[in-house]
Amino acid sequence: MSEIINFVKEILMLGGNCEKTPIGLCQFEYVAQTPSKRVKPKRKREMRLSELMDK
């Protein structure tokens, strides 16, 4: 009787001794995303009116 119970546990994977094999996308390791640094575009510096008047 115990052999039948063990067989049913193996089929249903209820036994703790079975080794799980990852299938599909589960087999890949999770990669933490690093936050990307935002680069501010350099803008042309506009001349002030006072600078134009001095010239």
Protein backbone atom coordinates (compact mmCIF):
# COMPACT_ATOMS: atom_id res chain seq x y z
CA MET A 1 0.00 0.00 0.00
CA SER A 2 2.86 2.39 0.82
CA GLU A 3 4.35 1.77 -2.64
CA ILE A 4 1.12 2.93 -4.26
CA ILE A 5 1.03 6.04 -2.08
CA ASN A 6 4.67 6.83 -2.90
CA PHE A 7 3.95 6.35 -6.61
CA VAL A 8 0.97 8.72 -6.47
CA LYS A 9 3.08 11.29 -4.57
CA GLU A 10 5.78 11.10 -7.23
CA ILE A 11 3.25 11.61 -10.00
CA LEU A 12 1.65 14.58 -8.26
CA MET A 13 5.07 15.88 -7.09
CA LEU A 14 3.91 15.95 -3.49
CA GLY A 15 7.09 14.35 -2.25
CA GLY A 16 9.74 16.70 -0.89
CA ASN A 17 12.60 14.68 -2.35
CA CYS A 18 11.85 15.43 -6.01
CA GLU A 19 14.08 17.93 -7.74
CA LYS A 20 12.26 20.75 -9.51
CA THR A 21 13.37 21.64 -13.00
CA PRO A 22 12.57 25.20 -14.07
CA ILE A 23 10.64 25.28 -17.33
CA GLY A 24 10.17 28.16 -19.76
CA LEU A 25 10.93 31.71 -18.69
CA CYS A 26 11.30 30.61 -15.06
CA GLN A 27 14.74 29.17 -15.79
CA PHE A 28 16.27 32.61 -16.38
CA GLU A 29 17.67 34.51 -13.44
CA TYR A 30 16.12 37.84 -12.52
CA VAL A 31 18.36 40.77 -13.41
CA ALA A 32 17.85 43.90 -11.34
CA GLN A 33 17.58 46.98 -13.49
CA THR A 34 19.98 49.73 -12.57
CA PRO A 35 18.50 53.19 -12.74
CA SER A 36 19.82 54.98 -15.79
CA LYS A 37 21.28 58.44 -15.37
CA ARG A 38 19.47 61.14 -17.26
CA VAL A 39 21.71 63.34 -19.29
CA LYS A 40 20.56 66.90 -19.64
CA PRO A 41 21.19 68.31 -23.10
CA LYS A 42 23.49 71.32 -23.06
CA ARG A 43 21.67 74.39 -24.22
CA LYS A 44 23.29 77.32 -25.88
CA ARG A 45 23.70 80.13 -23.45
CA GLU A 46 21.69 83.10 -24.57
CA MET A 47 23.20 86.52 -24.28
CA ARG A 48 21.53 88.95 -21.97
CA LEU A 49 20.37 92.32 -23.10
CA SER A 50 22.86 94.02 -20.76
CA GLU A 51 25.72 92.09 -22.37
CA LEU A 52 24.58 93.19 -25.81
CA MET A 53 24.40 96.83 -24.70
CA ASP A 54 28.00 96.75 -23.36
CA LYS A 55 29.45 95.74 -26.71
